[in-house]
PDB file of N, CA and C in Angstrom:
ATOM      1  N   MET A   1      43.826 -82.619  70.028  1.00  0.00           N
ATOM      2  CA  MET A   1      43.234 -82.167  71.272  1.00  0.00           C
ATOM      3  C   MET A   1      41.839 -81.630  70.961  1.00  0.00           C
ATOM      4  N   THR A   2      40.883 -82.071  71.727  1.00  0.00           N
ATOM      5  CA  THR A   2      39.518 -81.612  71.541  1.00  0.00           C
ATOM      6  C   THR A   2      39.284 -80.340  72.358  1.00  0.00           C
ATOM      7  N   HIS A   3      38.154 -79.716  72.103  1.00  0.00           N
ATOM      8  CA  HIS A   3      37.772 -78.513  72.839  1.00  0.00           C
ATOM      9  C   HIS A   3      37.707 -78.798  74.332  1.00  0.00           C
ATOM     10  N   LYS A   4      37.138 -79.926  74.683  1.00  0.00           N
ATOM     11  CA  LYS A   4      37.000 -80.300  76.090  1.00  0.00           C
ATOM     12  C   LYS A   4      38.365 -80.506  76.738  1.00  0.00           C
ATOM     13  N   GLU A   5      39.262 -81.159  76.016  1.00  0.00           N
ATOM     14  CA  GLU A   5      40.615 -81.376  76.536  1.00  0.00           C
ATOM     15  C   GLU A   5      41.371 -80.066  76.687  1.00  0.00           C
ATOM     16  N   LEU A   6      41.184 -79.153  75.747  1.00  0.00           N
ATOM     17  CA  LEU A   6      41.815 -77.844  75.827  1.00  0.00           C
ATOM     18  C   LEU A   6      41.313 -77.078  77.041  1.00  0.00           C
ATOM     19  N   LEU A   7      40.010 -77.130  77.293  1.00  0.00           N
ATOM     20  CA  LEU A   7      39.461 -76.456  78.466  1.00  0.00           C
ATOM     21  C   LEU A   7      40.013 -77.047  79.757  1.00  0.00           C
ATOM     22  N   GLU A   8      40.175 -78.359  79.780  1.00  0.00           N
ATOM     23  CA  GLU A   8      40.741 -79.002  80.970  1.00  0.00           C
ATOM     24  C   GLU A   8      42.199 -78.587  81.172  1.00  0.00           C
ATOM     25  N   ALA A   9      42.962 -78.477  80.093  1.00  0.00           N
ATOM     26  CA  ALA A   9      44.356 -78.037  80.197  1.00  0.00           C
ATOM     27  C   ALA A   9      44.434 -76.597  80.695  1.00  0.00           C
ATOM     28  N   ILE A  10      43.533 -75.747  80.229  1.00  0.00           N
ATOM     29  CA  ILE A  10      43.495 -74.355  80.698  1.00  0.00           C
ATOM     30  C   ILE A  10      43.120 -74.329  82.171  1.00  0.00           C
ATOM     31  N   ARG A  11      42.153 -75.126  82.553  1.00  0.00           N
ATOM     32  CA  ARG A  11      41.725 -75.177  83.948  1.00  0.00           C
ATOM     33  C   ARG A  11      42.883 -75.608  84.853  1.00  0.00           C
ATOM     34  N   GLN A  12      43.643 -76.607  84.424  1.00  0.00           N
ATOM     35  CA  GLN A  12      44.796 -77.059  85.195  1.00  0.00           C
ATOM     36  C   GLN A  12      45.883 -75.989  85.249  1.00  0.00           C
ATOM     37  N   ALA A  13      46.083 -75.266  84.138  1.00  0.00           N
ATOM     38  CA  ALA A  13      47.087 -74.202  84.105  1.00  0.00           C
ATOM     39  C   ALA A  13      46.701 -73.039  85.018  1.00  0.00           C
ATOM     40  N   LEU A  14      45.413 -72.869  85.252  1.00  0.00           N
ATOM     41  CA  LEU A  14      44.942 -71.815  86.153  1.00  0.00           C
ATOM     42  C   LEU A  14      44.999 -72.253  87.613  1.00  0.00           C
ATOM     43  N   GLY A  15      45.584 -73.389  87.870  1.00  0.00           N
ATOM     44  CA  GLY A  15      45.764 -73.837  89.243  1.00  0.00           C
ATOM     45  C   GLY A  15      44.933 -75.033  89.627  1.00  0.00           C
ATOM     46  N   GLY A  16      44.093 -75.511  88.744  1.00  0.00           N
ATOM     47  CA  GLY A  16      43.280 -76.680  89.037  1.00  0.00           C
ATOM     48  C   GLY A  16      42.046 -76.381  89.866  1.00  0.00           C
ATOM     49  N   THR A  17      41.999 -75.211  90.485  1.00  0.00           N
ATOM     50  CA  THR A  17      40.835 -74.861  91.290  1.00  0.00           C
ATOM     51  C   THR A  17      39.841 -74.016  90.504  1.00  0.00           C
ATOM     52  N   ALA A  18      40.223 -73.590  89.305  1.00  0.00           N
ATOM     53  CA  ALA A  18      39.330 -72.789  88.475  1.00  0.00           C
ATOM     54  C   ALA A  18      38.182 -73.660  87.975  1.00  0.00           C
ATOM     55  N   THR A  19      37.059 -73.037  87.745  1.00  0.00           N
ATOM     56  CA  THR A  19      35.892 -73.771  87.248  1.00  0.00           C
ATOM     57  C   THR A  19      35.999 -73.966  85.750  1.00  0.00           C
ATOM     58  N   GLN A  20      35.172 -74.853  85.243  1.00  0.00           N
ATOM     59  CA  GLN A  20      35.100 -75.082  83.801  1.00  0.00           C
ATOM     60  C   GLN A  20      34.657 -73.801  83.095  1.00  0.00           C
ATOM     61  N   ASN A  21      33.767 -73.058  83.727  1.00  0.00           N
ATOM     62  CA  ASN A  21      33.293 -71.803  83.164  1.00  0.00           C
ATOM     63  C   ASN A  21      34.428 -70.786  83.070  1.00  0.00           C
ATOM     64  N   ALA A  22      35.289 -70.719  84.079  1.00  0.00           N
ATOM     65  CA  ALA A  22      36.424 -69.792  84.055  1.00  0.00           C
ATOM     66  C   ALA A  22      37.384 -70.151  82.917  1.00  0.00           C
ATOM     67  N   ALA A  23      37.604 -71.431  82.701  1.00  0.00           N
ATOM     68  CA  ALA A  23      38.466 -71.874  81.605  1.00  0.00           C
ATOM     69  C   ALA A  23      37.850 -71.499  80.259  1.00  0.00           C
ATOM     70  N   GLU A  24      36.542 -71.674  80.135  1.00  0.00           N
ATOM     71  CA  GLU A  24      35.836 -71.302  78.891  1.00  0.00           C
ATOM     72  C   GLU A  24      35.950 -69.808  78.638  1.00  0.00           C
ATOM     73  N   LEU A  25      35.787 -68.997  79.673  1.00  0.00           N
ATOM     74  CA  LEU A  25      35.916 -67.540  79.538  1.00  0.00           C
ATOM     75  C   LEU A  25      37.332 -67.144  79.151  1.00  0.00           C
ATOM     76  N   ALA A  26      38.338 -67.817  79.697  1.00  0.00           N
ATOM     77  CA  ALA A  26      39.727 -67.527  79.352  1.00  0.00           C
ATOM     78  C   ALA A  26      39.988 -67.857  77.881  1.00  0.00           C
ATOM     79  N   LEU A  27      39.499 -68.999  77.425  1.00  0.00           N
ATOM     80  CA  LEU A  27      39.662 -69.395  76.025  1.00  0.00           C
ATOM     81  C   LEU A  27      38.953 -68.416  75.097  1.00  0.00           C
ATOM     82  N   GLN A  28      37.740 -68.030  75.450  1.00  0.00           N
ATOM     83  CA  GLN A  28      36.997 -67.063  74.643  1.00  0.00           C
ATOM     84  C   GLN A  28      37.709 -65.720  74.579  1.00  0.00           C
ATOM     85  N   ALA A  29      38.315 -65.295  75.684  1.00  0.00           N
ATOM     86  CA  ALA A  29      39.035 -64.025  75.711  1.00  0.00           C
ATOM     87  C   ALA A  29      40.231 -64.059  74.770  1.00  0.00           C
ATOM     88  N   VAL A  30      40.960 -65.167  74.769  1.00  0.00           N
ATOM     89  CA  VAL A  30      42.124 -65.282  73.886  1.00  0.00           C
ATOM     90  C   VAL A  30      41.699 -65.311  72.424  1.00  0.00           C
ATOM     91  N   THR A  31      40.706 -66.117  72.094  1.00  0.00           N
ATOM     92  CA  THR A  31      40.271 -66.203  70.694  1.00  0.00           C
ATOM     93  C   THR A  31      39.666 -64.885  70.224  1.00  0.00           C
ATOM     94  N   ARG A  32      38.947 -64.183  71.093  1.00  0.00           N
ATOM     95  CA  ARG A  32      38.381 -62.882  70.739  1.00  0.00           C
ATOM     96  C   ARG A  32      39.493 -61.859  70.494  1.00  0.00           C
ATOM     97  N   ALA A  33      40.530 -61.882  71.320  1.00  0.00           N
ATOM     98  CA  ALA A  33      41.642 -60.950  71.150  1.00  0.00           C
ATOM     99  C   ALA A  33      42.376 -61.212  69.839  1.00  0.00           C
ATOM    100  N   ILE A  34      42.569 -62.489  69.491  1.00  0.00           N
ATOM    101  CA  ILE A  34      43.209 -62.829  68.218  1.00  0.00           C
ATOM    102  C   ILE A  34      42.329 -62.383  67.054  1.00  0.00           C
ATOM    103  N   ARG A  35      41.034 -62.659  67.137  1.00  0.00           N
ATOM    104  CA  ARG A  35      40.108 -62.270  66.060  1.00  0.00           C
ATOM    105  C   ARG A  35      40.074 -60.757  65.883  1.00  0.00           C
ATOM    106  N   ASP A  36      40.012 -60.008  66.994  1.00  0.00           N
ATOM    107  CA  ASP A  36      39.986 -58.552  66.915  1.00  0.00           C
ATOM    108  C   ASP A  36      41.294 -57.993  66.369  1.00  0.00           C
ATOM    109  N   GLY A  37      42.413 -58.591  66.772  1.00  0.00           N
ATOM    110  CA  GLY A  37      43.708 -58.160  66.247  1.00  0.00           C
ATOM    111  C   GLY A  37      43.830 -58.404  64.758  1.00  0.00           C
ATOM    112  N   LEU A  38      43.303 -59.523  64.293  1.00  0.00           N
ATOM    113  CA  LEU A  38      43.318 -59.812  62.857  1.00  0.00           C
ATOM    114  C   LEU A  38      42.437 -58.835  62.093  1.00  0.00           C
ATOM    115  N   ALA A  39      41.288 -58.491  62.656  1.00  0.00           N
ATOM    116  CA  ALA A  39      40.383 -57.551  61.995  1.00  0.00           C
ATOM    117  C   ALA A  39      41.011 -56.157  61.926  1.00  0.00           C
ATOM    118  N   GLU A  40      41.748 -55.794  62.962  1.00  0.00           N
ATOM    119  CA  GLU A  40      42.328 -54.454  63.033  1.00  0.00           C
ATOM    120  C   GLU A  40      43.610 -54.333  62.217  1.00  0.00           C
ATOM    121  N   ASP A  41      44.539 -55.255  62.406  1.00  0.00           N
ATOM    122  CA  ASP A  41      45.860 -55.147  61.790  1.00  0.00           C
ATOM    123  C   ASP A  41      46.119 -56.163  60.694  1.00  0.00           C
ATOM    124  N   GLY A  42      45.317 -57.203  60.622  1.00  0.00           N
ATOM    125  CA  GLY A  42      45.543 -58.251  59.643  1.00  0.00           C
ATOM    126  C   GLY A  42      46.605 -59.254  60.070  1.00  0.00           C
ATOM    127  N   GLU A  43      47.174 -59.062  61.277  1.00  0.00           N
ATOM    128  CA  GLU A  43      48.229 -59.943  61.748  1.00  0.00           C
ATOM    129  C   GLU A  43      48.301 -59.883  63.269  1.00  0.00           C
ATOM    130  N   VAL A  44      48.543 -61.034  63.889  1.00  0.00           N
ATOM    131  CA  VAL A  44      48.731 -61.105  65.340  1.00  0.00           C
ATOM    132  C   VAL A  44      49.998 -61.913  65.595  1.00  0.00           C
ATOM    133  N   LYS A  45      50.979 -61.281  66.255  1.00  0.00           N
ATOM    134  CA  LYS A  45      52.229 -61.960  66.588  1.00  0.00           C
ATOM    135  C   LYS A  45      52.249 -62.256  68.073  1.00  0.00           C
ATOM    136  N   LEU A  46      52.475 -63.511  68.412  1.00  0.00           N
ATOM    137  CA  LEU A  46      52.608 -63.937  69.793  1.00  0.00           C
ATOM    138  C   LEU A  46      54.053 -64.392  69.982  1.00  0.00           C
ATOM    139  N   ALA A  47      54.819 -63.628  70.751  1.00  0.00           N
ATOM    140  CA  ALA A  47      56.243 -63.910  70.937  1.00  0.00           C
ATOM    141  C   ALA A  47      56.449 -65.311  71.487  1.00  0.00           C
ATOM    142  N   GLY A  48      57.354 -66.048  70.869  1.00  0.00           N
ATOM    143  CA  GLY A  48      57.665 -67.396  71.314  1.00  0.00           C
ATOM    144  C   GLY A  48      56.650 -68.438  70.892  1.00  0.00           C
ATOM    145  N   PHE A  49      55.599 -68.033  70.211  1.00  0.00           N
ATOM    146  CA  PHE A  49      54.563 -68.973  69.793  1.00  0.00           C
ATOM    147  C   PHE A  49      54.414 -68.983  68.287  1.00  0.00           C
ATOM    148  N   GLY A  50      54.053 -67.835  67.701  1.00  0.00           N
ATOM    149  CA  GLY A  50      53.889 -67.756  66.259  1.00  0.00           C
ATOM    150  C   GLY A  50      53.059 -66.573  65.837  1.00  0.00           C
ATOM    151  N   THR A  51      52.701 -66.554  64.558  1.00  0.00           N
ATOM    152  CA  THR A  51      51.988 -65.432  63.960  1.00  0.00           C
ATOM    153  C   THR A  51      50.742 -65.935  63.238  1.00  0.00           C
ATOM    154  N   PHE A  52      49.617 -65.282  63.505  1.00  0.00           N
ATOM    155  CA  PHE A  52      48.384 -65.497  62.756  1.00  0.00           C
ATOM    156  C   PHE A  52      48.310 -64.388  61.725  1.00  0.00           C
ATOM    157  N   ARG A  53      48.030 -64.744  60.465  1.00  0.00           N
ATOM    158  CA  ARG A  53      48.017 -63.749  59.405  1.00  0.00           C
ATOM    159  C   ARG A  53      47.039 -64.185  58.311  1.00  0.00           C
ATOM    160  N   TYR A  54      46.358 -63.203  57.714  1.00  0.00           N
ATOM    161  CA  TYR A  54      45.516 -63.496  56.562  1.00  0.00           C
ATOM    162  C   TYR A  54      46.366 -63.504  55.304  1.00  0.00           C
ATOM    163  N   LYS A  55      46.080 -64.455  54.427  1.00  0.00           N
ATOM    164  CA  LYS A  55      46.760 -64.536  53.145  1.00  0.00           C
ATOM    165  C   LYS A  55      45.687 -64.567  52.064  1.00  0.00           C
ATOM    166  N   THR A  56      45.913 -63.865  50.978  1.00  0.00           N
ATOM    167  CA  THR A  56      44.981 -63.868  49.859  1.00  0.00           C
ATOM    168  C   THR A  56      45.372 -64.973  48.884  1.00  0.00           C
ATOM    169  N   VAL A  57      44.419 -65.836  48.585  1.00  0.00           N
ATOM    170  CA  VAL A  57      44.633 -66.934  47.637  1.00  0.00           C
ATOM    171  C   VAL A  57      43.978 -66.521  46.324  1.00  0.00           C
ATOM    172  N   ALA A  58      44.735 -66.582  45.262  1.00  0.00           N
ATOM    173  CA  ALA A  58      44.247 -66.154  43.948  1.00  0.00           C
ATOM    174  C   ALA A  58      43.121 -67.056  43.457  1.00  0.00           C
ATOM    175  N   ALA A  59      42.304 -66.508  42.576  1.00  0.00           N
ATOM    176  CA  ALA A  59      41.241 -67.288  41.947  1.00  0.00           C
ATOM    177  C   ALA A  59      41.889 -68.368  41.076  1.00  0.00           C
ATOM    178  N   ARG A  60      41.215 -69.507  40.990  1.00  0.00           N
ATOM    179  CA  ARG A  60      41.757 -70.590  40.191  1.00  0.00           C
ATOM    180  C   ARG A  60      40.641 -71.456  39.643  1.00  0.00           C
ATOM    181  N   ARG A  61      41.003 -72.276  38.674  1.00  0.00           N
ATOM    182  CA  ARG A  61      40.062 -73.192  38.040  1.00  0.00           C
ATOM    183  C   ARG A  61      40.306 -74.594  38.593  1.00  0.00           C
ATOM    184  N   LEU A  62      39.239 -75.276  38.944  1.00  0.00           N
ATOM    185  CA  LEU A  62      39.315 -76.618  39.503  1.00  0.00           C
ATOM    186  C   LEU A  62      38.625 -77.574  38.537  1.00  0.00           C
ATOM    187  N   LEU A  63      39.280 -78.680  38.226  1.00  0.00           N
ATOM    188  CA  LEU A  63      38.716 -79.679  37.329  1.00  0.00           C
ATOM    189  C   LEU A  63      38.217 -80.859  38.151  1.00  0.00           C
ATOM    190  N   LEU A  64      36.917 -81.152  38.040  1.00  0.00           N
ATOM    191  CA  LEU A  64      36.338 -82.288  38.747  1.00  0.00           C
ATOM    192  C   LEU A  64      36.688 -83.573  37.996  1.00  0.00           C
ATOM    193  N   PRO A  65      37.333 -84.521  38.660  1.00  0.00           N
ATOM    194  CA  PRO A  65      37.822 -85.707  37.950  1.00  0.00           C
ATOM    195  C   PRO A  65      36.740 -86.658  37.465  1.00  0.00           C
ATOM    196  N   HIS A  66      35.598 -86.710  38.155  1.00  0.00           N
ATOM    197  CA  HIS A  66      34.589 -87.711  37.781  1.00  0.00           C
ATOM    198  C   HIS A  66      33.791 -87.333  36.540  1.00  0.00           C
ATOM    199  N   ASN A  67      33.657 -86.034  36.229  1.00  0.00           N
ATOM    200  CA  ASN A  67      32.894 -85.660  35.031  1.00  0.00           C
ATOM    201  C   ASN A  67      33.617 -84.638  34.156  1.00  0.00           C
ATOM    202  N   LYS A  68      34.870 -84.327  34.499  1.00  0.00           N
ATOM    203  CA  LYS A  68      35.725 -83.410  33.728  1.00  0.00           C
ATOM    204  C   LYS A  68      35.134 -82.000  33.610  1.00  0.00           C
ATOM    205  N   GLN A  69      34.244 -81.659  34.513  1.00  0.00           N
ATOM    206  CA  GLN A  69      33.664 -80.315  34.536  1.00  0.00           C
ATOM    207  C   GLN A  69      34.606 -79.392  35.306  1.00  0.00           C
ATOM    208  N   SER A  70      34.747 -78.150  34.835  1.00  0.00           N
ATOM    209  CA  SER A  70      35.626 -77.225  35.544  1.00  0.00           C
ATOM    210  C   SER A  70      34.788 -76.222  36.332  1.00  0.00           C
ATOM    211  N   ILE A  71      35.327 -75.820  37.475  1.00  0.00           N
ATOM    212  CA  ILE A  71      34.665 -74.884  38.375  1.00  0.00           C
ATOM    213  C   ILE A  71      35.626 -73.736  38.641  1.00  0.00           C
ATOM    214  N   GLU A  72      35.114 -72.518  38.669  1.00  0.00           N
ATOM    215  CA  GLU A  72      35.918 -71.356  39.014  1.00  0.00           C
ATOM    216  C   GLU A  72      35.833 -71.120  40.516  1.00  0.00           C
ATOM    217  N   LEU A  73      36.975 -71.151  41.187  1.00  0.00           N
ATOM    218  CA  LEU A  73      37.032 -70.814  42.609  1.00  0.00           C
ATOM    219  C   LEU A  73      37.447 -69.360  42.723  1.00  0.00           C
ATOM    220  N   PRO A  74      36.664 -68.530  43.410  1.00  0.00           N
ATOM    221  CA  PRO A  74      36.980 -67.107  43.496  1.00  0.00           C
ATOM    222  C   PRO A  74      38.182 -66.843  44.416  1.00  0.00           C
ATOM    223  N   GLN A  75      38.723 -65.649  44.284  1.00  0.00           N
ATOM    224  CA  GLN A  75      39.788 -65.224  45.190  1.00  0.00           C
ATOM    225  C   GLN A  75      39.219 -65.155  46.597  1.00  0.00           C
ATOM    226  N   ARG A  76      40.035 -65.549  47.588  1.00  0.00           N
ATOM    227  CA  ARG A  76      39.542 -65.545  48.962  1.00  0.00           C
ATOM    228  C   ARG A  76      40.695 -65.320  49.927  1.00  0.00           C
ATOM    229  N   ARG A  77      40.334 -64.966  51.147  1.00  0.00           N
ATOM    230  CA  ARG A  77      41.328 -64.797  52.209  1.00  0.00           C
ATOM    231  C   ARG A  77      41.277 -66.021  53.110  1.00  0.00           C
ATOM    232  N   VAL A  78      42.451 -66.534  53.454  1.00  0.00           N
ATOM    233  CA  VAL A  78      42.534 -67.678  54.354  1.00  0.00           C
ATOM    234  C   VAL A  78      43.436 -67.301  55.529  1.00  0.00           C
ATOM    235  N   LEU A  79      43.149 -67.872  56.670  1.00  0.00           N
ATOM    236  CA  LEU A  79      43.942 -67.614  57.859  1.00  0.00           C
ATOM    237  C   LEU A  79      45.119 -68.570  57.895  1.00  0.00           C
ATOM    238  N   ARG A  80      46.310 -68.034  58.094  1.00  0.00           N
ATOM    239  CA  ARG A  80      47.527 -68.829  58.170  1.00  0.00           C
ATOM    240  C   ARG A  80      48.129 -68.683  59.554  1.00  0.00           C
ATOM    241  N   PHE A  81      48.753 -69.738  60.040  1.00  0.00           N
ATOM    242  CA  PHE A  81      49.519 -69.677  61.278  1.00  0.00           C
ATOM    243  C   PHE A  81      50.931 -70.138  60.971  1.00  0.00           C
ATOM    244  N   ILE A  82      51.905 -69.319  61.320  1.00  0.00           N
ATOM    245  CA  ILE A  82      53.302 -69.653  61.139  1.00  0.00           C
ATOM    246  C   ILE A  82      53.930 -69.712  62.521  1.00  0.00           C
ATOM    247  N   HIS A  83      54.447 -70.878  62.899  1.00  0.00           N
ATOM    248  CA  HIS A  83      55.025 -70.992  64.239  1.00  0.00           C
ATOM    249  C   HIS A  83      56.343 -70.224  64.295  1.00  0.00           C
ATOM    250  N   SER A  84      56.767 -69.891  65.488  1.00  0.00           N
ATOM    251  CA  SER A  84      57.930 -69.028  65.663  1.00  0.00           C
ATOM    252  C   SER A  84      59.248 -69.708  65.343  1.00  0.00           C
ATOM    253  N   GLY A  85      59.258 -71.014  65.249  1.00  0.00           N
ATOM    254  CA  GLY A  85      60.479 -71.728  64.938  1.00  0.00           C
ATOM    255  C   GLY A  85      61.234 -72.188  66.170  1.00  0.00           C
ATOM    256  N   LYS A  86      60.795 -71.774  67.333  1.00  0.00           N
ATOM    257  CA  LYS A  86      61.440 -72.239  68.553  1.00  0.00           C
ATOM    258  C   LYS A  86      60.978 -73.666  68.815  1.00  0.00           C
ATOM    259  N   LYS A  87      61.915 -74.572  68.955  1.00  0.00           N
ATOM    260  CA  LYS A  87      61.581 -75.981  69.089  1.00  0.00           C
ATOM    261  C   LYS A  87      61.172 -76.366  70.499  1.00  0.00           C
ATOM    262  N   ASP A  88      61.551 -75.581  71.483  1.00  0.00           N
ATOM    263  CA  ASP A  88      61.309 -75.987  72.862  1.00  0.00           C
ATOM    264  C   ASP A  88      60.080 -75.346  73.484  1.00  0.00           C
ATOM    265  N   ILE A  89      59.243 -74.660  72.716  1.00  0.00           N
ATOM    266  CA  ILE A  89      58.094 -73.987  73.331  1.00  0.00           C
ATOM    267  C   ILE A  89      57.030 -74.963  73.778  1.00  0.00           C
ATOM    268  N   PHE A  90      57.003 -76.156  73.206  1.00  0.00           N
ATOM    269  CA  PHE A  90      55.972 -77.120  73.580  1.00  0.00           C
ATOM    270  C   PHE A  90      56.465 -78.114  74.625  1.00  0.00           C
ATOM    271  N   LYS A  91      57.743 -78.047  74.978  1.00  0.00           N
ATOM    272  CA  LYS A  91      58.270 -78.945  76.009  1.00  0.00           C
ATOM    273  C   LYS A  91      58.060 -78.311  77.367  1.00  0.00           C
ATOM    274  N   GLN A  92      57.923 -79.146  78.364  1.00  0.00           N
ATOM    275  CA  GLN A  92      57.728 -78.620  79.708  1.00  0.00           C
ATOM    276  C   GLN A  92      58.949 -78.791  80.539  1.00  0.00           C
TER     277      GLN A  92
END
């Protein structure tokens, strides 16, 4: 699903009479709330949907296959999403 398709789905979910701008504002509000929750607590749980959480990935060495040179990748935080496990949340 593209950004444009997602906005259209949000617009339809808002009743079909909402403007494209209203759908964009709704999407921005949700993503901002998730981002702020991650910054504050490090985790955002959405009941029936899933959990957004930061995970720390350890530093590691990477070997480039074409010239056998090794590169050190530093430790970093990555965003993980774990779905809730409910199979029927995407069915209508």
